[in-house]
Amino acid sequence: MKDYFPVNYAVKVHYEDIYRTINVTRMQNRNFTEMNLKLLWVYINSQVLETVLEVLPKRHPSRTYVEDISTLFSYLRMNVEEMVDDIEDDRVEEILSHVSNIDEESKRKSIRPKALFDNCYRVMKQLFQCDWDP
């Protein structure tokens, strides 16, 4: 049992690292482009996965799965970082700058690691339109 998180375990993350569907909806209402929303999704969730890996026990049953997803996001982030130079929307640049330059003193929120994954999945479903039913 020591390889599992305790019941109701929460990790402290920066408030900006929580990218939820409500955030996406608000940005869509403010005319953010779909490409920019996807770019933010990759950028923010690659950092979230690193945070989860830092606290995930080495022998946790889902460790390999999380490492694989983290590796995927690392590759995606490499491509995204090339695109960051071409961003023309100052709002997106400001968000990316803020997310990448967060200091250790900034406001943090406690959240369960599973909730971070759930947010990642829900936002992915919202941004990438396809048939999600098996």
Protein backbone atom coordinates (compact mmCIF):
# COMPACT_ATOMS: atom_id res chain seq x y z
CA MET A 1 0.00 0.00 0.00
CA LYS A 2 2.93 2.34 0.43
CA ASP A 3 3.16 2.55 -3.36
CA TYR A 4 -0.21 4.31 -3.55
CA PHE A 5 -1.26 7.85 -2.70
CA PRO A 6 -3.03 8.25 0.63
CA VAL A 7 -6.81 8.75 0.43
CA ASN A 8 -7.66 12.32 -0.64
CA TYR A 9 -4.02 13.09 -1.44
CA ALA A 10 -3.58 16.48 -3.04
CA VAL A 11 -0.61 18.11 -4.70
CA LYS A 12 0.03 21.85 -4.61
CA VAL A 13 0.19 23.33 -8.09
CA HIS A 14 0.25 26.86 -9.35
CA TYR A 15 -3.22 28.16 -10.01
CA GLU A 16 -2.25 28.75 -13.65
CA ASP A 17 -1.46 25.04 -14.09
CA ILE A 18 -5.12 24.11 -13.77
CA TYR A 19 -6.47 24.28 -17.32
CA ARG A 20 -10.16 23.36 -17.21
CA THR A 21 -12.97 23.35 -19.73
CA ILE A 22 -14.40 26.51 -18.18
CA ASN A 23 -11.11 28.28 -18.93
CA VAL A 24 -11.29 27.13 -22.54
CA THR A 25 -14.91 28.22 -22.88
CA ARG A 26 -14.09 31.68 -21.51
CA MET A 27 -11.18 32.02 -23.92
CA GLN A 28 -13.34 30.84 -26.83
CA ASN A 29 -15.87 33.53 -25.89
CA ARG A 30 -13.00 36.05 -26.01
CA ASN A 31 -12.14 34.91 -29.56
CA PHE A 32 -8.95 32.95 -28.85
CA THR A 33 -8.13 30.80 -31.87
CA GLU A 34 -8.49 27.05 -31.66
CA MET A 35 -4.78 26.66 -32.44
CA ASN A 36 -3.83 28.90 -29.53
CA LEU A 37 -6.10 27.00 -27.14
CA LYS A 38 -4.50 23.71 -28.22
CA LEU A 39 -1.05 25.22 -27.85
CA LEU A 40 -1.88 26.30 -24.29
CA TRP A 41 -3.29 22.85 -23.54
CA VAL A 42 -0.03 21.16 -24.55
CA TYR A 43 2.17 23.70 -22.83
CA ILE A 44 0.32 23.71 -19.52
CA ASN A 45 -0.33 19.97 -19.31
CA SER A 46 3.29 19.08 -20.06
CA GLN A 47 4.18 20.99 -16.90
CA VAL A 48 1.36 19.37 -14.94
CA LEU A 49 2.58 15.90 -15.88
CA GLU A 50 6.07 16.76 -14.65
CA THR A 51 4.57 17.86 -11.33
CA VAL A 52 2.60 14.62 -10.99
CA LEU A 53 5.68 12.55 -11.78
CA GLU A 54 7.62 14.34 -9.06
CA VAL A 55 5.18 13.15 -6.38
CA LEU A 56 4.14 9.81 -7.87
CA PRO A 57 5.77 6.90 -5.99
CA LYS A 58 8.32 5.00 -8.08
CA ARG A 59 6.39 1.73 -7.78
CA HIS A 60 2.90 3.19 -8.27
CA PRO A 61 0.91 0.99 -10.70
CA SER A 62 0.25 3.87 -13.09
CA ARG A 63 3.82 5.23 -13.04
CA THR A 64 4.72 3.74 -16.46
CA TYR A 65 1.50 5.08 -17.98
CA VAL A 66 2.14 8.59 -16.63
CA GLU A 67 5.76 8.48 -17.82
CA ASP A 68 4.60 7.49 -21.31
CA ILE A 69 2.08 10.31 -21.45
CA SER A 70 4.68 12.72 -20.12
CA THR A 71 7.08 11.65 -22.87
CA LEU A 72 4.36 12.22 -25.46
CA PHE A 73 3.71 15.70 -24.10
CA SER A 74 7.44 16.43 -24.12
CA TYR A 75 7.53 15.70 -27.86
CA LEU A 76 4.42 17.80 -28.41
CA ARG A 77 5.90 20.62 -26.38
CA MET A 78 9.02 20.66 -28.55
CA ASN A 79 6.80 21.36 -31.56
CA VAL A 80 4.76 23.89 -29.61
CA GLU A 81 7.85 25.81 -28.54
CA GLU A 82 8.73 26.26 -32.21
CA MET A 83 5.25 27.69 -32.77
CA VAL A 84 5.48 30.06 -29.79
CA ASP A 85 7.71 32.40 -31.79
CA ASP A 86 4.96 32.79 -34.40
CA ILE A 87 2.16 33.69 -31.99
CA GLU A 88 0.56 36.98 -32.91
CA ASP A 89 -1.95 37.16 -30.04
CA ASP A 90 -0.53 39.18 -27.15
CA ARG A 91 -2.95 37.52 -24.73
CA VAL A 92 -1.51 34.07 -25.48
CA GLU A 93 2.04 35.37 -25.20
CA GLU A 94 1.17 36.86 -21.83
CA ILE A 95 -0.34 33.57 -20.59
CA LEU A 96 2.65 31.56 -21.79
CA SER A 97 5.05 34.03 -20.24
CA HIS A 98 3.16 33.95 -16.97
CA VAL A 99 2.97 30.14 -16.90
CA SER A 100 6.64 29.65 -17.74
CA ASN A 101 7.90 32.31 -15.33
CA ILE A 102 5.95 31.39 -12.21
CA ASP A 103 7.95 31.94 -9.07
CA GLU A 104 7.89 29.59 -6.13
CA GLU A 105 6.09 32.18 -4.00
CA SER A 106 3.07 32.46 -6.28
CA LYS A 107 -0.39 31.34 -5.28
CA ARG A 108 -0.89 27.58 -5.19
CA LYS A 109 -3.95 25.39 -5.07
CA SER A 110 -4.32 21.88 -3.69
CA ILE A 111 -5.71 19.43 -6.22
CA ARG A 112 -5.77 15.65 -6.56
CA PRO A 113 -3.45 14.28 -9.27
CA LYS A 114 -6.41 12.42 -10.80
CA ALA A 115 -8.28 15.73 -11.12
CA LEU A 116 -5.35 17.12 -13.11
CA PHE A 117 -5.59 14.16 -15.49
CA ASP A 118 -9.36 14.51 -15.69
CA ASN A 119 -8.99 18.19 -16.61
CA CYS A 120 -6.44 17.30 -19.27
CA TYR A 121 -8.78 14.70 -20.77
CA ARG A 122 -11.90 16.89 -20.68
CA VAL A 123 -10.12 19.81 -22.31
CA MET A 124 -8.70 17.47 -24.96
CA LYS A 125 -12.23 16.26 -25.73
CA GLN A 126 -13.42 19.85 -25.96
CA LEU A 127 -10.61 21.04 -28.22
CA PHE A 128 -10.12 18.07 -30.52
CA GLN A 129 -13.36 17.28 -32.26
CA CYS A 130 -13.73 13.61 -33.10
CA ASP A 131 -15.91 10.61 -32.29
CA TRP A 132 -15.00 9.75 -28.70
CA ASP A 133 -17.38 6.79 -28.35
CA PRO A 134 -15.75 3.36 -28.68
